[in-house]
Every structure is written in structure tokens, then in C-alpha cells.
C-alpha atoms as a PDB file:
ATOM      1  CA  MET A   1    -165.927 183.908  88.395  1.00  0.00           C
ATOM      2  CA  ILE A   2    -164.836 186.059  91.586  1.00  0.00           C
ATOM      3  CA  LEU A   3    -167.401 186.972  94.290  1.00  0.00           C
ATOM      4  CA  ALA A   4    -167.246 190.090  96.626  1.00  0.00           C
ATOM      5  CA  SER A   5    -169.584 190.911  99.584  1.00  0.00           C
ATOM      6  CA  LEU A   6    -169.397 193.876 101.545  1.00  0.00           C
ATOM      7  CA  ARG A   7    -170.144 193.381 105.319  1.00  0.00           C
ATOM      8  CA  ALA A   8    -169.427 195.909 107.881  1.00  0.00           C
ATOM      9  CA  ASP A   9    -166.686 197.611 105.965  1.00  0.00           C
ATOM     10  CA  VAL A  10    -164.927 194.351 105.349  1.00  0.00           C
ATOM     11  CA  VAL A  11    -164.885 192.930 101.539  1.00  0.00           C
ATOM     12  CA  HIS A  12    -165.263 189.032 101.630  1.00  0.00           C
ATOM     13  CA  LEU A  13    -163.555 187.920  98.379  1.00  0.00           C
ATOM     14  CA  ALA A  14    -163.775 184.217  96.843  1.00  0.00           C
ATOM     15  CA  LEU A  15    -162.455 182.814  93.668  1.00  0.00           C
ATOM     16  CA  ILE A  16    -164.418 179.860  92.192  1.00  0.00           C
ATOM     17  CA  GLU A  17    -162.502 177.898  89.432  1.00  0.00           C
ATOM     18  CA  ARG A  18    -164.378 175.208  87.965  1.00  0.00           C
ATOM     19  CA  GLY A  19    -167.242 175.323  90.225  1.00  0.00           C
ATOM     20  CA  THR A  20    -165.034 174.901  93.194  1.00  0.00           C
ATOM     21  CA  LEU A  21    -163.884 177.430  95.898  1.00  0.00           C
ATOM     22  CA  SER A  22    -160.325 177.872  95.338  1.00  0.00           C
ATOM     23  CA  GLU A  23    -159.285 181.048  97.417  1.00  0.00           C
ATOM     24  CA  TYR A  24    -160.761 182.909 100.007  1.00  0.00           C
ATOM     25  CA  THR A  25    -159.825 186.245 101.873  1.00  0.00           C
ATOM     26  CA  LEU A  26    -160.919 189.299 103.657  1.00  0.00           C
ATOM     27  CA  TRP A  27    -160.249 192.648 102.311  1.00  0.00           C
ATOM     28  CA  ARG A  28    -160.229 195.914 104.625  1.00  0.00           C
ATOM     29  CA  PRO A  29    -160.019 198.874 102.262  1.00  0.00           C
ATOM     30  CA  ASP A  30    -159.357 201.213 105.139  1.00  0.00           C
ATOM     31  CA  ALA A  31    -156.830 199.028 106.728  1.00  0.00           C
ATOM     32  CA  PRO A  32    -154.953 197.360 103.913  1.00  0.00           C
ATOM     33  CA  ASP A  33    -152.210 194.813 104.477  1.00  0.00           C
ATOM     34  CA  GLY A  34    -150.141 196.977 102.105  1.00  0.00           C
ATOM     35  CA  VAL A  35    -148.952 194.324  99.799  1.00  0.00           C
ATOM     36  CA  GLY A  36    -148.509 196.183  96.558  1.00  0.00           C
ATOM     37  CA  ASP A  37    -147.879 199.629  98.038  1.00  0.00           C
ATOM     38  CA  VAL A  38    -145.238 201.772  96.574  1.00  0.00           C
ATOM     39  CA  TYR A  39    -143.228 204.031  98.976  1.00  0.00           C
ATOM     40  CA  THR A  40    -140.327 206.396  98.647  1.00  0.00           C
ATOM     41  CA  GLY A  41    -137.744 205.134 100.948  1.00  0.00           C
ATOM     42  CA  ARG A  42    -134.532 205.936 102.242  1.00  0.00           C
ATOM     43  CA  ILE A  43    -131.845 203.295 103.228  1.00  0.00           C
ATOM     44  CA  SER A  44    -131.193 203.366 107.085  1.00  0.00           C
ATOM     45  CA  ALA A  45    -128.520 200.580 107.515  1.00  0.00           C
ATOM     46  CA  ARG A  46    -127.082 197.857 105.639  1.00  0.00           C
ATOM     47  CA  VAL A  47    -127.499 194.394 107.580  1.00  0.00           C
ATOM     48  CA  SER A  48    -124.814 192.182 105.797  1.00  0.00           C
ATOM     49  CA  ALA A  49    -125.777 189.027 108.151  1.00  0.00           C
ATOM     50  CA  LEU A  50    -129.451 189.153 106.566  1.00  0.00           C
ATOM     51  CA  GLY A  51    -128.338 190.056 102.947  1.00  0.00           C
ATOM     52  CA  GLY A  52    -130.067 193.410 102.751  1.00  0.00           C
ATOM     53  CA  VAL A  53    -130.774 196.945 103.923  1.00  0.00           C
ATOM     54  CA  PHE A  54    -133.413 198.409 106.165  1.00  0.00           C
ATOM     55  CA  VAL A  55    -135.384 200.972 104.572  1.00  0.00           C
ATOM     56  CA  ASP A  56    -137.216 203.872 106.331  1.00  0.00           C
ATOM     57  CA  LEU A  57    -140.645 204.421 104.493  1.00  0.00           C
ATOM     58  CA  GLY A  58    -141.527 207.300 106.866  1.00  0.00           C
ATOM     59  CA  GLY A  59    -143.112 205.914 109.957  1.00  0.00           C
ATOM     60  CA  ALA A  60    -142.309 202.396 109.178  1.00  0.00           C
ATOM     61  CA  THR A  61    -139.322 200.285 108.419  1.00  0.00           C
ATOM     62  CA  GLY A  62    -139.206 197.761 105.732  1.00  0.00           C
ATOM     63  CA  PHE A  63    -136.316 195.216 104.472  1.00  0.00           C
ATOM     64  CA  LEU A  64    -135.202 195.306 101.223  1.00  0.00           C
ATOM     65  CA  PRO A  65    -132.971 191.926 100.231  1.00  0.00           C
ATOM     66  CA  ASP A  66    -129.850 192.211  98.147  1.00  0.00           C
ATOM     67  CA  SER A  67    -131.839 189.665  95.875  1.00  0.00           C
ATOM     68  CA  ALA A  68    -134.663 192.164  95.321  1.00  0.00           C
ATOM     69  CA  GLY A  69    -132.279 195.293  94.725  1.00  0.00           C
ATOM     70  CA  GLY A  70    -130.896 196.055  97.900  1.00  0.00           C
ATOM     71  CA  LYS A  71    -127.215 195.051  96.914  1.00  0.00           C
ATOM     72  CA  ALA A  72    -126.266 198.150  94.959  1.00  0.00           C
ATOM     73  CA  GLY A  73    -127.859 200.519  97.724  1.00  0.00           C
ATOM     74  CA  SER A  74    -125.937 202.364 100.254  1.00  0.00           C
ATOM     75  CA  GLU A  75    -126.826 204.052 103.659  1.00  0.00           C
ATOM     76  CA  GLY A  76    -128.696 207.471 102.734  1.00  0.00           C
ATOM     77  CA  ASP A  77    -129.995 206.456  99.332  1.00  0.00           C
ATOM     78  CA  VAL A  78    -133.304 207.652  98.372  1.00  0.00           C
ATOM     79  CA  VAL A  79    -135.047 204.548  96.405  1.00  0.00           C
ATOM     80  CA  ALA A  80    -138.681 203.779  95.050  1.00  0.00           C
ATOM     81  CA  VAL A  81    -139.763 200.548  96.668  1.00  0.00           C
ATOM     82  CA  ARG A  82    -142.872 198.093  96.452  1.00  0.00           C
ATOM     83  CA  VAL A  83    -144.201 196.011  99.399  1.00  0.00           C
ATOM     84  CA  ALA A  84    -143.804 192.378  98.241  1.00  0.00           C
ATOM     85  CA  ARG A  85    -144.873 190.808 101.570  1.00  0.00           C
ATOM     86  CA  ALA A  86    -146.957 192.204 104.405  1.00  0.00           C
ATOM     87  CA  ALA A  87    -145.491 192.773 107.725  1.00  0.00           C
ATOM     88  CA  GLN A  88    -145.697 189.667 110.133  1.00  0.00           C
ATOM     89  CA  GLY A  89    -144.597 188.668 113.606  1.00  0.00           C
ATOM     90  CA  GLY A  90    -143.314 192.070 114.504  1.00  0.00           C
ATOM     91  CA  LYS A  91    -141.191 192.275 111.538  1.00  0.00           C
ATOM     92  CA  GLY A  92    -141.845 195.041 108.815  1.00  0.00           C
ATOM     93  CA  PRO A  93    -142.876 194.628 105.339  1.00  0.00           C
ATOM     94  CA  ARG A  94    -140.432 192.884 102.703  1.00  0.00           C
ATOM     95  CA  LEU A  95    -139.821 195.061  99.889  1.00  0.00           C
ATOM     96  CA  ALA A  96    -138.589 195.034  96.223  1.00  0.00           C
ATOM     97  CA  LEU A  97    -137.460 197.632  94.115  1.00  0.00           C
ATOM     98  CA  ALA A  98    -140.002 199.620  92.250  1.00  0.00           C
ATOM     99  CA  GLY A  99    -139.864 201.256  88.699  1.00  0.00           C
ATOM    100  CA  GLY A 100    -139.921 204.953  88.464  1.00  0.00           C
ATOM    101  CA  GLU A 101    -138.180 207.829  90.344  1.00  0.00           C
ATOM    102  CA  PRO A 102    -138.537 207.946  94.067  1.00  0.00           C
ATOM    103  CA  GLY A 103    -140.403 211.243  95.406  1.00  0.00           C
ATOM    104  CA  LEU A 104    -138.524 213.740  97.465  1.00  0.00           C
ATOM    105  CA  LYS A 105    -139.061 212.245 101.010  1.00  0.00           C
ATOM    106  CA  PRO A 106    -139.736 208.846 102.742  1.00  0.00           C
ATOM    107  CA  GLY A 107    -143.627 208.061 102.366  1.00  0.00           C
ATOM    108  CA  LEU A 108    -146.439 206.263 100.700  1.00  0.00           C
ATOM    109  CA  GLN A 109    -146.613 206.806  97.069  1.00  0.00           C
ATOM    110  CA  ALA A 110    -149.477 204.556  95.906  1.00  0.00           C
ATOM    111  CA  ARG A 111    -151.556 202.148  97.204  1.00  0.00           C
ATOM    112  CA  GLY A 112    -151.803 198.564  95.978  1.00  0.00           C
ATOM    113  CA  LEU A 113    -155.102 197.098  94.643  1.00  0.00           C
ATOM    114  CA  GLY A 114    -155.576 194.618  97.202  1.00  0.00           C
ATOM    115  CA  PRO A 115    -156.338 190.684  96.805  1.00  0.00           C
ATOM    116  CA  LEU A 116    -159.054 191.345  94.451  1.00  0.00           C
ATOM    117  CA  ALA A 117    -156.331 191.996  91.921  1.00  0.00           C
ATOM    118  CA  ASP A 118    -154.342 189.075  92.771  1.00  0.00           C
ATOM    119  CA  PHE A 119    -157.584 186.835  92.045  1.00  0.00           C
ATOM    120  CA  ARG A 120    -158.047 188.723  88.764  1.00  0.00           C
ATOM    121  CA  ALA A 121    -154.338 188.082  87.747  1.00  0.00           C
ATOM    122  CA  LEU A 122    -155.036 184.470  88.503  1.00  0.00           C
ATOM    123  CA  GLN A 123    -157.885 184.314  86.394  1.00  0.00           C
ATOM    124  CA  PRO A 124    -158.088 187.577  83.984  1.00  0.00           C
ATOM    125  CA  GLU A 125    -161.241 186.479  82.235  1.00  0.00           C
ATOM    126  CA  ALA A 126    -163.164 185.906  85.578  1.00  0.00           C
ATOM    127  CA  LEU A 127    -166.464 187.716  85.845  1.00  0.00           C
ATOM    128  CA  VAL A 128    -166.479 189.895  89.052  1.00  0.00           C
ATOM    129  CA  ILE A 129    -169.901 189.533  90.874  1.00  0.00           C
ATOM    130  CA  ALA A 130    -170.627 191.751  93.823  1.00  0.00           C
ATOM    131  CA  ASP A 131    -173.751 192.203  96.338  1.00  0.00           C
ATOM    132  CA  ASP A 132    -173.282 195.947  97.013  1.00  0.00           C
ATOM    133  CA  PHE A 133    -173.516 198.866  94.924  1.00  0.00           C
ATOM    134  CA  ALA A 134    -171.345 200.756  96.819  1.00  0.00           C
ATOM    135  CA  LEU A 135    -168.537 198.017  96.656  1.00  0.00           C
ATOM    136  CA  ILE A 136    -169.190 198.133  92.777  1.00  0.00           C
ATOM    137  CA  ALA A 137    -168.817 202.012  92.755  1.00  0.00           C
ATOM    138  CA  MET A 138    -165.531 201.594  95.035  1.00  0.00           C
ATOM    139  CA  ILE A 139    -163.868 198.929  92.639  1.00  0.00           C
ATOM    140  CA  ARG A 140    -165.292 199.884  89.164  1.00  0.00           C
ATOM    141  CA  HIS A 141    -162.381 202.066  88.139  1.00  0.00           C
ATOM    142  CA  HIS A 142    -160.047 199.249  88.375  1.00  0.00           C
ATOM    143  CA  PHE A 143    -162.327 196.258  87.402  1.00  0.00           C
ATOM    144  CA  SER A 144    -164.821 197.337  84.961  1.00  0.00           C
ATOM    145  CA  GLU A 145    -166.809 194.153  84.383  1.00  0.00           C
ATOM    146  CA  ILE A 146    -168.894 193.851  87.310  1.00  0.00           C
ATOM    147  CA  GLU A 147    -172.451 192.217  87.851  1.00  0.00           C
ATOM    148  CA  TYR A 148    -174.375 192.740  90.937  1.00  0.00           C
ATOM    149  CA  LYS A 149    -176.214 189.986  92.431  1.00  0.00           C
ATOM    150  CA  PRO A 150    -177.631 189.984  95.883  1.00  0.00           C
ATOM    151  CA  ASP A 151    -176.560 187.028  98.137  1.00  0.00           C
ATOM    152  CA  CYS A 152    -173.907 185.981  95.735  1.00  0.00           C
ATOM    153  CA  PHE A 153    -172.114 184.163  98.621  1.00  0.00           C
ATOM    154  CA  ALA A 154    -175.062 182.074  99.571  1.00  0.00           C
ATOM    155  CA  PRO A 155    -173.766 179.059  97.718  1.00  0.00           C
ATOM    156  CA  ILE A 156    -170.732 178.950  99.633  1.00  0.00           C
ATOM    157  CA  GLU A 157    -171.529 180.360 102.957  1.00  0.00           C
ATOM    158  CA  ASP A 158    -171.232 176.994 104.856  1.00  0.00           C
ATOM    159  CA  GLU A 159    -167.727 176.204 103.423  1.00  0.00           C
ATOM    160  CA  VAL A 160    -166.478 179.439 104.004  1.00  0.00           C
ATOM    161  CA  ALA A 161    -168.035 179.337 107.684  1.00  0.00           C
ATOM    162  CA  ALA A 162    -165.985 176.082 107.969  1.00  0.00           C
ATOM    163  CA  LEU A 163    -162.604 177.983 107.272  1.00  0.00           C
ATOM    164  CA  ALA A 164    -162.858 179.795 110.648  1.00  0.00           C
ATOM    165  CA  GLU A 165    -162.368 176.401 112.330  1.00  0.00           C
ATOM    166  CA  PRO A 166    -159.049 174.705 113.028  1.00  0.00           C
ATOM    167  CA  VAL A 167    -160.256 171.375 111.856  1.00  0.00           C
ATOM    168  CA  ALA A 168    -160.733 170.619 108.255  1.00  0.00           C
ATOM    169  CA  VAL A 169    -162.990 167.601 107.052  1.00  0.00           C
ATOM    170  CA  LEU A 170    -161.077 165.555 104.451  1.00  0.00           C
ATOM    171  CA  PRO A 171    -162.248 162.559 102.231  1.00  0.00           C
ATOM    172  CA  GLY A 172    -163.128 159.296 103.784  1.00  0.00           C
ATOM    173  CA  GLY A 173    -164.088 160.479 107.201  1.00  0.00           C
ATOM    174  CA  ALA A 174    -160.316 161.776 107.821  1.00  0.00           C
ATOM    175  CA  ARG A 175    -159.766 165.138 109.488  1.00  0.00           C
ATOM    176  CA  ALA A 176    -156.725 167.724 109.448  1.00  0.00           C
ATOM    177  CA  THR A 177    -156.244 169.854 112.816  1.00  0.00           C
ATOM    178  CA  ILE A 178    -154.272 172.811 111.910  1.00  0.00           C
ATOM    179  CA  SER A 179    -152.178 174.615 114.549  1.00  0.00           C
ATOM    180  CA  PRO A 180    -150.404 177.816 113.737  1.00  0.00           C
ATOM    181  CA  THR A 181    -147.313 178.465 115.988  1.00  0.00           C
ATOM    182  CA  PRO A 182    -144.916 181.654 115.363  1.00  0.00           C
ATOM    183  CA  ALA A 183    -142.678 179.185 113.796  1.00  0.00           C
ATOM    184  CA  LEU A 184    -144.307 177.001 111.555  1.00  0.00           C
ATOM    185  CA  THR A 185    -147.764 175.623 110.979  1.00  0.00           C
ATOM    186  CA  ALA A 186    -148.400 171.932 112.006  1.00  0.00           C
ATOM    187  CA  ILE A 187    -151.050 169.818 110.352  1.00  0.00           C
ATOM    188  CA  ASP A 188    -152.080 166.553 112.107  1.00  0.00           C
ATOM    189  CA  ILE A 189    -154.066 164.047 110.112  1.00  0.00           C
ATOM    190  CA  ASP A 190    -156.454 161.890 111.909  1.00  0.00           C
ATOM    191  CA  ALA A 191    -157.910 158.953 109.926  1.00  0.00           C
ATOM    192  CA  GLY A 192    -160.817 158.492 112.114  1.00  0.00           C
ATOM    193  CA  PRO A 193    -163.141 155.186 110.933  1.00  0.00           C
ATOM    194  CA  ALA A 194    -161.262 155.750 107.303  1.00  0.00           C
ATOM    195  CA  THR A 195    -158.774 152.908 108.045  1.00  0.00           C
ATOM    196  CA  ALA A 196    -161.410 150.312 109.508  1.00  0.00           C
ATOM    197  CA  GLU A 197    -161.552 148.828 105.942  1.00  0.00           C
ATOM    198  CA  ARG A 198    -160.654 145.129 105.474  1.00  0.00           C
ATOM    199  CA  GLY A 199    -157.072 144.227 104.316  1.00  0.00           C
ATOM    200  CA  ALA A 200    -153.482 145.237 105.534  1.00  0.00           C
ATOM    201  CA  LYS A 201    -153.654 148.116 107.856  1.00  0.00           C
ATOM    202  CA  ALA A 202    -150.331 149.582 106.040  1.00  0.00           C
ATOM    203  CA  GLY A 203    -152.058 149.224 102.883  1.00  0.00           C
ATOM    204  CA  ALA A 204    -155.149 150.907 104.132  1.00  0.00           C
ATOM    205  CA  GLN A 205    -153.167 153.786 105.525  1.00  0.00           C
ATOM    206  CA  ALA A 206    -151.254 154.371 102.337  1.00  0.00           C
ATOM    207  CA  ARG A 207    -154.510 154.505 100.328  1.00  0.00           C
ATOM    208  CA  LEU A 208    -156.209 157.002 102.890  1.00  0.00           C
ATOM    209  CA  ASN A 209    -153.286 159.409 102.683  1.00  0.00           C
ATOM    210  CA  ARG A 210    -153.104 159.468  99.129  1.00  0.00           C
ATOM    211  CA  ALA A 211    -156.930 159.928  98.731  1.00  0.00           C
ATOM    212  CA  ILE A 212    -156.917 163.033 101.124  1.00  0.00           C
ATOM    213  CA  ILE A 213    -153.749 164.687  99.595  1.00  0.00           C
ATOM    214  CA  PRO A 214    -155.857 166.656  96.851  1.00  0.00           C
ATOM    215  CA  GLU A 215    -158.256 168.151  99.420  1.00  0.00           C
ATOM    216  CA  LEU A 216    -155.303 168.915 102.116  1.00  0.00           C
ATOM    217  CA  ALA A 217    -153.649 170.841  99.555  1.00  0.00           C
ATOM    218  CA  ARG A 218    -156.845 172.861  98.474  1.00  0.00           C
ATOM    219  CA  GLN A 219    -157.171 173.632 102.283  1.00  0.00           C
ATOM    220  CA  ILE A 220    -153.751 174.807 102.611  1.00  0.00           C
ATOM    221  CA  ARG A 221    -154.259 177.130  99.641  1.00  0.00           C
ATOM    222  CA  LEU A 222    -157.931 178.354 100.961  1.00  0.00           C
ATOM    223  CA  ARG A 223    -156.366 179.017 104.270  1.00  0.00           C
ATOM    224  CA  ASN A 224    -153.525 180.594 102.724  1.00  0.00           C
ATOM    225  CA  LEU A 225    -150.957 178.994 105.241  1.00  0.00           C
ATOM    226  CA  GLY A 226    -147.558 180.237 104.481  1.00  0.00           C
ATOM    227  CA  GLY A 227    -143.914 179.724 105.697  1.00  0.00           C
ATOM    228  CA  ALA A 228    -142.938 176.405 107.147  1.00  0.00           C
ATOM    229  CA  ILE A 229    -145.624 173.984 107.181  1.00  0.00           C
ATOM    230  CA  LEU A 230    -145.309 170.314 109.038  1.00  0.00           C
ATOM    231  CA  ILE A 231    -147.755 167.404 107.745  1.00  0.00           C
ATOM    232  CA  ASP A 232    -147.918 164.363 110.082  1.00  0.00           C
ATOM    233  CA  PHE A 233    -149.863 162.156 108.143  1.00  0.00           C
ATOM    234  CA  ALA A 234    -152.191 159.355 109.633  1.00  0.00           C
ATOM    235  CA  GLY A 235    -150.232 155.827 110.399  1.00  0.00           C
ATOM    236  CA  MET A 236    -147.729 154.707 108.467  1.00  0.00           C
ATOM    237  CA  LYS A 237    -144.368 154.257 109.482  1.00  0.00           C
ATOM    238  CA  ALA A 238    -142.193 157.123 109.254  1.00  0.00           C
ATOM    239  CA  GLY A 239    -139.935 155.592 106.715  1.00  0.00           C
ATOM    240  CA  ALA A 240    -143.085 154.695 104.321  1.00  0.00           C
ATOM    241  CA  ARG A 241    -144.054 157.996 104.325  1.00  0.00           C
ATOM    242  CA  ALA A 242    -141.805 159.129 101.563  1.00  0.00           C
ATOM    243  CA  SER A 243    -143.833 157.218  99.069  1.00  0.00           C
ATOM    244  CA  LEU A 244    -146.476 159.966  99.268  1.00  0.00           C
ATOM    245  CA  SER A 245    -144.129 162.433  97.921  1.00  0.00           C
ATOM    246  CA  PRO A 246    -145.299 162.150  94.082  1.00  0.00           C
ATOM    247  CA  ASP A 247    -148.957 162.572  95.160  1.00  0.00           C
ATOM    248  CA  LEU A 248    -148.036 165.449  97.413  1.00  0.00           C
ATOM    249  CA  THR A 249    -145.843 167.218  94.819  1.00  0.00           C
ATOM    250  CA  GLN A 250    -148.546 166.893  92.319  1.00  0.00           C
ATOM    251  CA  ALA A 251    -151.137 168.496  94.506  1.00  0.00           C
ATOM    252  CA  LEU A 252    -148.988 171.413  95.418  1.00  0.00           C
ATOM    253  CA  ALA A 253    -148.127 172.231  91.907  1.00  0.00           C
ATOM    254  CA  ARG A 254    -151.663 173.339  91.294  1.00  0.00           C
ATOM    255  CA  ASP A 255    -151.224 176.272  93.830  1.00  0.00           C
ATOM    256  CA  PRO A 256    -150.327 179.350  92.136  1.00  0.00           C
ATOM    257  CA  LEU A 257    -147.805 179.998  94.722  1.00  0.00           C
ATOM    258  CA  LYS A 258    -145.780 177.001  93.887  1.00  0.00           C
ATOM    259  CA  PRO A 259    -145.231 175.743  97.537  1.00  0.00           C
ATOM    260  CA  ARG A 260    -142.377 173.010  97.722  1.00  0.00           C
ATOM    261  CA  LEU A 261    -142.124 169.809  99.354  1.00  0.00           C
ATOM    262  CA  LEU A 262    -138.552 169.699 100.983  1.00  0.00           C
ATOM    263  CA  GLY A 263    -138.725 166.099 102.099  1.00  0.00           C
ATOM    264  CA  PHE A 264    -139.732 164.126 105.025  1.00  0.00           C
ATOM    265  CA  THR A 265    -138.120 164.424 108.639  1.00  0.00           C
ATOM    266  CA  SER A 266    -136.766 161.425 110.454  1.00  0.00           C
ATOM    267  CA  LEU A 267    -139.985 161.457 112.477  1.00  0.00           C
ATOM    268  CA  GLY A 268    -142.042 161.099 109.174  1.00  0.00           C
ATOM    269  CA  PHE A 269    -143.368 164.827 109.041  1.00  0.00           C
ATOM    270  CA  ALA A 270    -143.638 166.298 105.542  1.00  0.00           C
ATOM    271  CA  GLU A 271    -141.883 169.482 104.975  1.00  0.00           C
ATOM    272  CA  VAL A 272    -143.698 172.101 102.800  1.00  0.00           C
ATOM    273  CA  LEU A 273    -142.452 175.728 102.236  1.00  0.00           C
ATOM    274  CA  ARG A 274    -145.228 177.728 100.894  1.00  0.00           C
ATOM    275  CA  PRO A 275    -144.435 181.516 100.143  1.00  0.00           C
ATOM    276  CA  ARG A 276    -146.253 183.823 102.663  1.00  0.00           C
ATOM    277  CA  ILE A 277    -147.166 187.186 100.685  1.00  0.00           C
ATOM    278  CA  ARG A 278    -150.477 188.090 102.437  1.00  0.00           C
ATOM    279  CA  PRO A 279    -151.222 187.308 106.147  1.00  0.00           C
ATOM    280  CA  PRO A 280    -152.997 183.900 106.563  1.00  0.00           C
ATOM    281  CA  LEU A 281    -156.783 183.476 107.112  1.00  0.00           C
ATOM    282  CA  HIS A 282    -156.442 182.751 110.575  1.00  0.00           C
ATOM    283  CA  GLU A 283    -154.594 186.131 111.432  1.00  0.00           C
ATOM    284  CA  ILE A 284    -157.375 188.068 109.716  1.00  0.00           C
ATOM    285  CA  LEU A 285    -160.575 186.610 110.516  1.00  0.00           C
ATOM    286  CA  PRO A 286    -162.575 188.527 113.161  1.00  0.00           C
END
């Protein structure tokens, strides 16, 4: 099911799959992130070094990669484009060619449907449950099957509140400290008392890390972490951490954005690359 709660002009959205919170985000209809918006744009410059063209959107500038349709464009061409990735870090939105004919001058032609449409695309048969009649009226023309239920977020309030914290609780008493930077997101795993079990220390550390990987992958998806992600697993010598690759690859494969494990660095950090389309949760929380 998809839960939608309207609070002070902000829509809180949650996707529940098999009884588990899988995705959560905030949607501001009056200030959307732009993903899915369709524009008429004019190519303003080709940047061969970046493999694409800059496109004037009428008040903003986006980047259209050659791989997304920019290769055939020339300076001055008018094109219909769709925002494929939200603006980030002072950079404009990433674009892709859109179907249909462009308008007469650069500018917005149609708004995207927002993250609610993303959730519905993942689960087309999911029931949408909302706690506000004004919200139901706003989204009904796009999502017809909506059920009203007050306090629909009540069962997941505590888990949602925990997503505002940079520390995620993992199985066995372990914790993940999540530290976003402009270049990447670092995740440090603290074993806590989890490796105090009897037996060889190396074996205990390996068992702990394998046990936390599914929940760690879920937290990455829940918080919508994107771009480069470095994971410093608990204990284990750097050379031994590559043995975690099958477990981590399997857990990441459940994520609809299909993040990739690129390998382990010489220091033993797992390198994960997850597509960034909408802003991560830590950037949009109040």
C-alpha cells in the first residue's frame, strides 16, 4: 500500500511492501523537485568535454547528455526535454529528450506527477490511503482508487522519525552512522556489543557484517542515498572484506534503482554507486 499524509502543505509518502516500510519521501506540490517536468528548451552551447549540451529552459539551464539525445543537437535548436534528474549541488537538472513537438519558446510545458507516481509505478496495484480529503481531491485525477483513513501513518511514525537521524540501528546491536558530503556519502558500521560472542573474532565480525547487510541496503533505499557511497564495515581486515561481495550484491539487487557494488578499496571500503534521481531524504527534511 501507499500511505499519504498532508501536514502543513507537505505530503508525506510511504510505500509499504509485504508489511515493511520500503520507501519514504516528502512531496511539496507547491515546490516540486522537477523530476518528470517537460520543457521546451533551446540548446545554448555544446560542451564536448562533458559529452552533451546545455539547454536554456527559460529561467534555468539544464544539461542534455549525448547519450540521452543531445548528440544530434546543435546550438540554437529548439527541443522538447524532460527532467530526468533533479538539480543538485548548484548544478541544473539532468535532461532527456521528450516525445512530442516543442513549443514556440523555452519554458515549462507540463509538470511531472511527483514521487507518488514513482511509488505507483513500483506497485501498480497498490492501494493509496490518504488522511486528508483535500489531498484526495488534489491527486484523484491521477490516482482514482484512494481510500480515506485518518492517522494512516500512525503504525510507522516511530520508524519514519528515526530516518531524520544520521544513525540507523542494525541487527545484533550494530549501528550505521551516515555522513553525507558534497562528493559522496560515507557509512561507518559500529559493531557495538555484537561481536562479543564467543569464538574467533574474525569469524564473529564476518557473521555480523553478513547479518546487517539486508537492513543496511534497506536503509540506503529508505533514505534515498545517491551517487557514490562508501561503506566501512565493522572489523575484518581490508583484504577479507571482499568476501562480503555476494551478500551485498544480492541485497542491493532488491533496490529498484539497481545500485552497483563496484568493489572494495585498498582500505577495505565497499564502493557502491546508486543512481540519484530525486534529492536524498537528508536534503529535503525540514
